[in-house]
Amino acid sequence: MSREKINRSNKALIHWEDLLDDVKTIASEYESDGWETLVLHPGDVSTVAEGNTGFRLVVPKSELEMLGEAVEGDEESFNEFELHRAPAEDLFLFVVVVKSSDHNRAIFFPAYYDPETDEEFVTAVREQGSVFSEITNLDQSQRYSFCHDDPSLFLP
């Protein structure tokens, strides 16, 4: 693991509990409006600047199984998203909400990056027409990918 990634992770840890509280609050609002919700708790968040530019989130196996049940092989129906930014000085923190209006389901997860450390990622996002969130388990034996069609929302 690179020193930059360790520093980015340490910066995120300072805000992580508050960010998870934000995720729960936003999910509760959706639930009260009648949506089925799934909140994911990634143990690792990394940026991907090559290929499908975006984020790779590693979640517990049990959450990945619940995600599989929620998408039911129909990841394409989760074609809407929202981004809720969280305040931080030198880190870009946010809550992503991926939605399927067809199924009235929403998936919530926190993510982050350091614009200074992740310069290559920021450049790639500026050049791409979309950003991806890939959610996987530790051994990467199973994964789900969601496309976000407005990359500007992910820029500082």
N, C-alpha and C. Protein backbone atom coordinates (compact mmCIF):
# COMPACT_ATOMS: atom_id res chain seq x y z
N MET A 1 0.85 -1.17 0.00
CA MET A 1 0.00 0.00 0.00
C MET A 1 0.90 1.23 0.00
N SER A 2 0.60 2.18 -0.85
CA SER A 2 1.43 3.36 -0.96
C SER A 2 1.21 4.30 0.22
N ARG A 3 2.22 5.11 0.47
CA ARG A 3 2.15 6.09 1.55
C ARG A 3 0.98 7.07 1.32
N GLU A 4 0.76 7.45 0.05
CA GLU A 4 -0.33 8.38 -0.27
C GLU A 4 -1.69 7.77 0.09
N LYS A 5 -1.86 6.47 -0.21
CA LYS A 5 -3.13 5.82 0.09
C LYS A 5 -3.34 5.73 1.60
N ILE A 6 -2.28 5.46 2.34
CA ILE A 6 -2.39 5.43 3.80
C ILE A 6 -2.78 6.80 4.32
N ASN A 7 -2.16 7.84 3.81
CA ASN A 7 -2.50 9.20 4.24
C ASN A 7 -3.95 9.54 3.90
N ARG A 8 -4.40 9.16 2.69
CA ARG A 8 -5.78 9.41 2.29
C ARG A 8 -6.73 8.68 3.22
N SER A 9 -6.42 7.42 3.52
CA SER A 9 -7.28 6.63 4.41
C SER A 9 -7.32 7.22 5.81
N ASN A 10 -6.18 7.68 6.31
CA ASN A 10 -6.14 8.31 7.63
C ASN A 10 -6.96 9.59 7.67
N LYS A 11 -6.89 10.37 6.61
CA LYS A 11 -7.71 11.59 6.53
C LYS A 11 -9.20 11.24 6.55
N ALA A 12 -9.55 10.18 5.83
CA ALA A 12 -10.96 9.77 5.76
C ALA A 12 -11.46 9.26 7.11
N LEU A 13 -10.61 8.57 7.85
CA LEU A 13 -11.01 8.03 9.15
C LEU A 13 -11.50 9.12 10.10
N ILE A 14 -10.91 10.28 10.00
CA ILE A 14 -11.31 11.41 10.86
C ILE A 14 -12.79 11.73 10.66
N HIS A 15 -13.27 11.58 9.43
CA HIS A 15 -14.65 11.96 9.08
C HIS A 15 -15.59 10.77 8.91
N TRP A 16 -15.05 9.56 9.01
CA TRP A 16 -15.81 8.37 8.61
C TRP A 16 -17.11 8.18 9.38
N GLU A 17 -17.09 8.31 10.70
CA GLU A 17 -18.31 8.12 11.49
C GLU A 17 -19.39 9.14 11.11
N ASP A 18 -18.98 10.39 10.92
CA ASP A 18 -19.95 11.41 10.50
C ASP A 18 -20.52 11.08 9.12
N LEU A 19 -19.66 10.60 8.24
CA LEU A 19 -20.13 10.24 6.90
C LEU A 19 -21.11 9.07 6.96
N LEU A 20 -20.82 8.08 7.79
CA LEU A 20 -21.75 6.95 7.95
C LEU A 20 -23.08 7.42 8.54
N ASP A 21 -23.03 8.38 9.45
CA ASP A 21 -24.27 8.96 9.99
C ASP A 21 -25.07 9.63 8.88
N ASP A 22 -24.37 10.34 7.97
CA ASP A 22 -25.04 10.97 6.83
C ASP A 22 -25.72 9.92 5.95
N VAL A 23 -25.02 8.81 5.72
CA VAL A 23 -25.58 7.73 4.90
C VAL A 23 -26.88 7.22 5.55
N LYS A 24 -26.84 6.97 6.85
CA LYS A 24 -28.02 6.45 7.55
C LYS A 24 -29.18 7.45 7.49
N THR A 25 -28.87 8.73 7.66
CA THR A 25 -29.91 9.76 7.63
C THR A 25 -30.58 9.83 6.26
N ILE A 26 -29.76 9.84 5.21
CA ILE A 26 -30.31 9.91 3.85
C ILE A 26 -31.12 8.65 3.56
N ALA A 27 -30.62 7.48 3.93
CA ALA A 27 -31.35 6.23 3.71
C ALA A 27 -32.68 6.24 4.46
N SER A 28 -32.69 6.76 5.67
CA SER A 28 -33.94 6.83 6.46
C SER A 28 -34.98 7.70 5.76
N GLU A 29 -34.54 8.78 5.15
CA GLU A 29 -35.46 9.65 4.41
C GLU A 29 -36.08 8.90 3.24
N TYR A 30 -35.27 8.13 2.55
CA TYR A 30 -35.80 7.32 1.44
C TYR A 30 -36.78 6.27 1.96
N GLU A 31 -36.43 5.61 3.05
CA GLU A 31 -37.32 4.59 3.61
C GLU A 31 -38.67 5.18 3.98
N SER A 32 -38.65 6.38 4.56
CA SER A 32 -39.91 7.00 4.95
C SER A 32 -40.74 7.40 3.73
N ASP A 33 -40.10 7.50 2.57
CA ASP A 33 -40.82 7.77 1.32
C ASP A 33 -41.20 6.48 0.59
N GLY A 34 -40.98 5.32 1.24
CA GLY A 34 -41.42 4.05 0.68
C GLY A 34 -40.41 3.29 -0.16
N TRP A 35 -39.16 3.71 -0.16
CA TRP A 35 -38.12 3.02 -0.94
C TRP A 35 -37.56 1.84 -0.15
N GLU A 36 -37.18 0.78 -0.86
CA GLU A 36 -36.36 -0.28 -0.28
C GLU A 36 -34.93 0.24 -0.31
N THR A 37 -34.21 0.10 0.80
CA THR A 37 -32.86 0.66 0.86
C THR A 37 -31.84 -0.39 1.28
N LEU A 38 -30.63 -0.17 0.84
CA LEU A 38 -29.50 -0.99 1.24
C LEU A 38 -28.32 -0.05 1.47
N VAL A 39 -27.79 -0.07 2.68
CA VAL A 39 -26.63 0.75 3.03
C VAL A 39 -25.40 -0.16 3.04
N LEU A 40 -24.38 0.24 2.30
CA LEU A 40 -23.13 -0.51 2.24
C LEU A 40 -22.07 0.18 3.09
N HIS A 41 -21.20 -0.62 3.68
CA HIS A 41 -20.15 -0.12 4.57
C HIS A 41 -18.79 -0.59 4.05
N PRO A 42 -18.23 0.13 3.08
CA PRO A 42 -16.95 -0.33 2.52
C PRO A 42 -15.82 -0.27 3.54
N GLY A 43 -15.01 -1.31 3.53
CA GLY A 43 -13.82 -1.34 4.37
C GLY A 43 -12.64 -0.72 3.66
N ASP A 44 -12.74 -0.60 2.34
CA ASP A 44 -11.69 0.02 1.56
C ASP A 44 -12.33 0.74 0.38
N VAL A 45 -11.83 1.94 0.12
CA VAL A 45 -12.27 2.74 -1.02
C VAL A 45 -11.02 3.15 -1.78
N SER A 46 -10.98 2.86 -3.07
CA SER A 46 -9.84 3.29 -3.87
C SER A 46 -10.35 3.86 -5.19
N THR A 47 -9.50 4.66 -5.81
CA THR A 47 -9.84 5.25 -7.10
C THR A 47 -9.22 4.42 -8.21
N VAL A 48 -9.88 4.45 -9.37
CA VAL A 48 -9.41 3.76 -10.56
C VAL A 48 -9.34 4.81 -11.66
N ALA A 49 -8.16 5.04 -12.21
CA ALA A 49 -7.99 6.08 -13.22
C ALA A 49 -7.86 5.51 -14.63
N GLU A 50 -7.77 4.20 -14.77
CA GLU A 50 -7.64 3.57 -16.08
C GLU A 50 -8.86 2.71 -16.37
N GLY A 51 -9.21 2.59 -17.63
CA GLY A 51 -10.37 1.78 -17.99
C GLY A 51 -11.65 2.45 -17.54
N ASN A 52 -12.43 1.76 -16.74
CA ASN A 52 -13.65 2.34 -16.18
C ASN A 52 -13.28 3.22 -14.99
N THR A 53 -13.05 4.48 -15.26
CA THR A 53 -12.65 5.43 -14.23
C THR A 53 -13.71 5.49 -13.15
N GLY A 54 -13.29 5.43 -11.91
CA GLY A 54 -14.25 5.52 -10.82
C GLY A 54 -13.69 5.05 -9.51
N PHE A 55 -14.54 4.37 -8.76
CA PHE A 55 -14.21 3.93 -7.41
C PHE A 55 -14.36 2.43 -7.30
N ARG A 56 -13.48 1.84 -6.52
CA ARG A 56 -13.61 0.43 -6.17
C ARG A 56 -13.84 0.39 -4.67
N LEU A 57 -14.95 -0.19 -4.28
CA LEU A 57 -15.30 -0.30 -2.87
C LEU A 57 -15.34 -1.77 -2.49
N VAL A 58 -14.66 -2.11 -1.43
CA VAL A 58 -14.65 -3.48 -0.92
C VAL A 58 -15.59 -3.53 0.28
N VAL A 59 -16.61 -4.37 0.17
CA VAL A 59 -17.60 -4.50 1.24
C VAL A 59 -17.58 -5.93 1.77
N PRO A 60 -18.13 -6.14 2.96
CA PRO A 60 -18.21 -7.50 3.51
C PRO A 60 -19.02 -8.41 2.59
N LYS A 61 -18.70 -9.69 2.62
CA LYS A 61 -19.37 -10.68 1.79
C LYS A 61 -20.89 -10.64 2.00
N SER A 62 -21.33 -10.49 3.24
CA SER A 62 -22.77 -10.47 3.52
C SER A 62 -23.45 -9.29 2.83
N GLU A 63 -22.80 -8.13 2.81
CA GLU A 63 -23.38 -6.97 2.14
C GLU A 63 -23.39 -7.15 0.63
N LEU A 64 -22.34 -7.78 0.10
CA LEU A 64 -22.29 -8.02 -1.34
C LEU A 64 -23.41 -8.99 -1.74
N GLU A 65 -23.70 -9.97 -0.90
CA GLU A 65 -24.81 -10.88 -1.18
C GLU A 65 -26.15 -10.14 -1.17
N MET A 66 -26.32 -9.23 -0.20
CA MET A 66 -27.55 -8.43 -0.16
C MET A 66 -27.65 -7.52 -1.38
N LEU A 67 -26.51 -7.00 -1.83
CA LEU A 67 -26.49 -6.17 -3.04
C LEU A 67 -26.94 -7.01 -4.24
N GLY A 68 -26.44 -8.24 -4.33
CA GLY A 68 -26.85 -9.12 -5.42
C GLY A 68 -28.34 -9.36 -5.43
N GLU A 69 -28.92 -9.52 -4.25
CA GLU A 69 -30.37 -9.71 -4.15
C GLU A 69 -31.11 -8.43 -4.54
N ALA A 70 -30.56 -7.28 -4.17
CA ALA A 70 -31.22 -6.00 -4.47
C ALA A 70 -31.23 -5.70 -5.96
N VAL A 71 -30.14 -6.00 -6.65
CA VAL A 71 -30.09 -5.70 -8.08
C VAL A 71 -30.68 -6.82 -8.92
N GLU A 72 -30.75 -8.03 -8.36
CA GLU A 72 -31.38 -9.17 -9.04
C GLU A 72 -30.95 -9.30 -10.49
N GLY A 73 -29.67 -9.14 -10.78
CA GLY A 73 -29.17 -9.27 -12.14
C GLY A 73 -29.58 -8.15 -13.07
N ASP A 74 -30.08 -7.06 -12.52
CA ASP A 74 -30.59 -5.95 -13.33
C ASP A 74 -29.90 -4.65 -12.94
N GLU A 75 -28.57 -4.65 -12.96
CA GLU A 75 -27.81 -3.46 -12.59
C GLU A 75 -28.17 -2.26 -13.45
N GLU A 76 -28.54 -2.50 -14.71
CA GLU A 76 -28.87 -1.40 -15.62
C GLU A 76 -30.09 -0.60 -15.17
N SER A 77 -30.98 -1.22 -14.40
CA SER A 77 -32.15 -0.48 -13.94
C SER A 77 -31.78 0.54 -12.87
N PHE A 78 -30.59 0.40 -12.28
CA PHE A 78 -30.10 1.38 -11.32
C PHE A 78 -29.36 2.47 -12.10
N ASN A 79 -30.16 3.27 -12.82
CA ASN A 79 -29.59 4.23 -13.75
C ASN A 79 -29.73 5.68 -13.30
N GLU A 80 -30.11 5.88 -12.07
CA GLU A 80 -30.19 7.23 -11.51
C GLU A 80 -29.26 7.28 -10.30
N PHE A 81 -28.71 8.46 -10.05
CA PHE A 81 -27.89 8.58 -8.86
C PHE A 81 -27.93 10.00 -8.33
N GLU A 82 -27.61 10.10 -7.07
CA GLU A 82 -27.44 11.39 -6.39
C GLU A 82 -26.10 11.36 -5.69
N LEU A 83 -25.56 12.53 -5.51
CA LEU A 83 -24.30 12.66 -4.79
C LEU A 83 -24.50 13.71 -3.71
N HIS A 84 -24.23 13.34 -2.48
CA HIS A 84 -24.33 14.25 -1.34
C HIS A 84 -22.93 14.49 -0.80
N ARG A 85 -22.45 15.70 -0.93
CA ARG A 85 -21.10 16.03 -0.46
C ARG A 85 -21.09 16.27 1.04
N ALA A 86 -19.98 15.88 1.63
CA ALA A 86 -19.77 16.11 3.06
C ALA A 86 -18.60 17.08 3.21
N PRO A 87 -18.66 17.96 4.19
CA PRO A 87 -17.59 18.94 4.35
C PRO A 87 -16.29 18.31 4.84
N ALA A 88 -15.20 18.71 4.21
CA ALA A 88 -13.86 18.30 4.62
C ALA A 88 -12.88 19.24 3.92
N GLU A 89 -11.80 19.55 4.61
CA GLU A 89 -10.85 20.51 4.06
C GLU A 89 -10.04 19.97 2.90
N ASP A 90 -9.36 18.86 3.09
CA ASP A 90 -8.42 18.40 2.07
C ASP A 90 -8.79 17.03 1.51
N LEU A 91 -10.06 16.71 1.59
CA LEU A 91 -10.54 15.42 1.12
C LEU A 91 -11.92 15.63 0.51
N PHE A 92 -12.22 14.91 -0.54
CA PHE A 92 -13.54 14.97 -1.15
C PHE A 92 -14.32 13.77 -0.64
N LEU A 93 -15.29 14.02 0.24
CA LEU A 93 -16.12 12.99 0.86
C LEU A 93 -17.54 13.12 0.34
N PHE A 94 -18.20 11.99 0.11
CA PHE A 94 -19.57 12.07 -0.38
C PHE A 94 -20.31 10.78 -0.12
N VAL A 95 -21.61 10.88 -0.19
CA VAL A 95 -22.51 9.73 -0.12
C VAL A 95 -23.10 9.58 -1.51
N VAL A 96 -23.00 8.38 -2.07
CA VAL A 96 -23.59 8.10 -3.36
C VAL A 96 -24.89 7.33 -3.13
N VAL A 97 -25.92 7.74 -3.83
CA VAL A 97 -27.21 7.04 -3.82
C VAL A 97 -27.45 6.57 -5.25
N VAL A 98 -27.50 5.26 -5.44
CA VAL A 98 -27.79 4.67 -6.75
C VAL A 98 -29.23 4.18 -6.69
N LYS A 99 -30.04 4.61 -7.67
CA LYS A 99 -31.48 4.34 -7.59
C LYS A 99 -32.01 3.61 -8.81
N SER A 100 -33.01 2.78 -8.53
CA SER A 100 -33.82 2.16 -9.57
C SER A 100 -35.26 2.57 -9.30
N SER A 101 -35.73 3.56 -10.04
CA SER A 101 -37.12 3.99 -9.87
C SER A 101 -38.09 2.90 -10.29
N ASP A 102 -37.66 2.06 -11.26
CA ASP A 102 -38.51 0.95 -11.72
C ASP A 102 -38.85 0.00 -10.58
N HIS A 103 -37.89 -0.22 -9.68
CA HIS A 103 -38.08 -1.17 -8.58
C HIS A 103 -38.22 -0.48 -7.22
N ASN A 104 -38.17 0.86 -7.22
CA ASN A 104 -38.27 1.64 -5.98
C ASN A 104 -37.23 1.19 -4.95
N ARG A 105 -35.98 1.00 -5.45
CA ARG A 105 -34.86 0.57 -4.60
C ARG A 105 -33.73 1.59 -4.70
N ALA A 106 -33.04 1.74 -3.59
CA ALA A 106 -31.89 2.65 -3.55
C ALA A 106 -30.76 2.01 -2.75
N ILE A 107 -29.55 2.20 -3.25
CA ILE A 107 -28.34 1.68 -2.61
C ILE A 107 -27.49 2.88 -2.22
N PHE A 108 -26.99 2.85 -1.00
CA PHE A 108 -26.25 3.98 -0.43
C PHE A 108 -24.85 3.53 -0.03
N PHE A 109 -23.85 4.35 -0.34
CA PHE A 109 -22.51 4.04 0.14
C PHE A 109 -21.67 5.31 0.21
N PRO A 110 -20.77 5.35 1.18
CA PRO A 110 -19.85 6.47 1.29
C PRO A 110 -18.62 6.22 0.43
N ALA A 111 -18.01 7.29 -0.03
CA ALA A 111 -16.76 7.17 -0.79
C ALA A 111 -15.97 8.46 -0.59
N TYR A 112 -14.73 8.42 -1.00
CA TYR A 112 -13.86 9.59 -0.83
C TYR A 112 -12.64 9.48 -1.73
N TYR A 113 -12.00 10.62 -1.93
CA TYR A 113 -10.68 10.65 -2.54
C TYR A 113 -10.00 11.95 -2.15
N ASP A 114 -8.71 11.98 -2.34
CA ASP A 114 -7.90 13.16 -2.04
C ASP A 114 -7.50 13.78 -3.38
N PRO A 115 -8.05 14.94 -3.73
CA PRO A 115 -7.75 15.53 -5.04
C PRO A 115 -6.25 15.73 -5.30
N GLU A 116 -5.51 15.98 -4.25
CA GLU A 116 -4.06 16.18 -4.42
C GLU A 116 -3.35 14.87 -4.69
N THR A 117 -3.65 13.86 -3.93
CA THR A 117 -3.03 12.54 -4.10
C THR A 117 -3.54 11.85 -5.36
N ASP A 118 -4.80 12.01 -5.66
CA ASP A 118 -5.44 11.31 -6.77
C ASP A 118 -5.54 12.18 -8.02
N GLU A 119 -4.47 12.88 -8.34
CA GLU A 119 -4.48 13.79 -9.50
C GLU A 119 -4.80 13.05 -10.80
N GLU A 120 -4.24 11.87 -10.97
CA GLU A 120 -4.48 11.08 -12.18
C GLU A 120 -5.97 10.73 -12.30
N PHE A 121 -6.59 10.40 -11.18
CA PHE A 121 -8.01 10.10 -11.15
C PHE A 121 -8.82 11.34 -11.55
N VAL A 122 -8.51 12.49 -10.96
CA VAL A 122 -9.24 13.73 -11.26
C VAL A 122 -9.13 14.05 -12.74
N THR A 123 -7.95 13.91 -13.32
CA THR A 123 -7.76 14.15 -14.75
C THR A 123 -8.61 13.20 -15.58
N ALA A 124 -8.62 11.94 -15.21
CA ALA A 124 -9.42 10.94 -15.94
C ALA A 124 -10.90 11.25 -15.85
N VAL A 125 -11.37 11.66 -14.68
CA VAL A 125 -12.79 12.01 -14.51
C VAL A 125 -13.15 13.18 -15.42
N ARG A 126 -12.27 14.17 -15.50
CA ARG A 126 -12.54 15.33 -16.36
C ARG A 126 -12.64 14.94 -17.83
N GLU A 127 -11.93 13.89 -18.22
CA GLU A 127 -11.90 13.47 -19.62
C GLU A 127 -12.99 12.46 -19.97
N GLN A 128 -13.59 11.84 -18.98
CA GLN A 128 -14.58 10.78 -19.21
C GLN A 128 -15.99 11.34 -19.27
N GLY A 129 -16.87 10.58 -19.87
CA GLY A 129 -18.28 10.94 -19.90
C GLY A 129 -19.07 10.30 -18.78
N SER A 130 -18.40 9.48 -17.97
CA SER A 130 -19.08 8.81 -16.87
C SER A 130 -18.05 8.37 -15.83
N VAL A 131 -18.57 8.06 -14.65
CA VAL A 131 -17.77 7.54 -13.54
C VAL A 131 -18.44 6.26 -13.09
N PHE A 132 -17.65 5.27 -12.72
CA PHE A 132 -18.19 3.99 -12.28
C PHE A 132 -17.92 3.77 -10.80
N SER A 133 -18.84 3.10 -10.16
CA SER A 133 -18.62 2.60 -8.81
C SER A 133 -18.67 1.09 -8.91
N GLU A 134 -17.53 0.46 -8.63
CA GLU A 134 -17.46 -0.99 -8.64
C GLU A 134 -17.44 -1.45 -7.19
N ILE A 135 -18.36 -2.32 -6.86
CA ILE A 135 -18.48 -2.82 -5.50
C ILE A 135 -18.16 -4.31 -5.53
N THR A 136 -17.21 -4.69 -4.70
CA THR A 136 -16.71 -6.05 -4.74
C THR A 136 -16.44 -6.56 -3.33
N ASN A 137 -16.08 -7.85 -3.25
CA ASN A 137 -15.68 -8.42 -1.96
C ASN A 137 -14.15 -8.47 -1.91
N LEU A 138 -13.62 -8.91 -0.80
CA LEU A 138 -12.18 -8.87 -0.58
C LEU A 138 -11.39 -9.65 -1.63
N ASP A 139 -11.87 -10.83 -1.99
CA ASP A 139 -11.13 -11.61 -2.99
C ASP A 139 -11.55 -11.28 -4.42
N GLN A 140 -12.41 -10.30 -4.59
CA GLN A 140 -12.90 -9.81 -5.88
C GLN A 140 -13.50 -10.91 -6.74
N SER A 141 -14.08 -11.92 -6.09
CA SER A 141 -14.70 -13.02 -6.82
C SER A 141 -16.09 -12.66 -7.34
N GLN A 142 -16.65 -11.60 -6.81
CA GLN A 142 -17.97 -11.16 -7.21
C GLN A 142 -17.94 -9.63 -7.22
N ARG A 143 -18.60 -9.01 -8.20
CA ARG A 143 -18.60 -7.56 -8.26
C ARG A 143 -19.84 -7.03 -8.97
N TYR A 144 -20.20 -5.83 -8.62
CA TYR A 144 -21.31 -5.12 -9.25
C TYR A 144 -20.79 -3.74 -9.61
N SER A 145 -21.25 -3.25 -10.74
CA SER A 145 -20.76 -1.96 -11.22
C SER A 145 -21.94 -1.06 -11.58
N PHE A 146 -21.84 0.20 -11.17
CA PHE A 146 -22.87 1.19 -11.47
C PHE A 146 -22.23 2.36 -12.19
N CYS A 147 -22.90 2.84 -13.22
CA CYS A 147 -22.39 3.95 -14.02
C CYS A 147 -23.09 5.24 -13.61
N HIS A 148 -22.31 6.29 -13.42
CA HIS A 148 -22.83 7.61 -13.07
C HIS A 148 -22.53 8.54 -14.25
N ASP A 149 -23.57 9.07 -14.86
CA ASP A 149 -23.41 9.79 -16.12
C ASP A 149 -23.10 11.27 -16.02
N ASP A 150 -22.84 11.78 -14.84
CA ASP A 150 -22.45 13.20 -14.72
C ASP A 150 -21.16 13.27 -13.90
N PRO A 151 -20.01 13.08 -14.56
CA PRO A 151 -18.74 13.05 -13.82
C PRO A 151 -18.40 14.37 -13.13
N SER A 152 -18.97 15.46 -13.60
CA SER A 152 -18.64 16.77 -12.98
C SER A 152 -19.02 16.81 -11.50
N LEU A 153 -20.03 16.02 -11.11
CA LEU A 153 -20.44 16.01 -9.71
C LEU A 153 -19.36 15.42 -8.81
N PHE A 154 -18.46 14.64 -9.38
CA PHE A 154 -17.41 13.99 -8.59
C PHE A 154 -16.14 14.83 -8.51
N LEU A 155 -16.17 16.01 -9.10
CA LEU A 155 -14.99 16.86 -9.09
C LEU A 155 -15.08 17.92 -8.01
N PRO A 156 -13.91 18.26 -7.45
CA PRO A 156 -13.92 19.29 -6.38
C PRO A 156 -14.33 20.66 -6.90
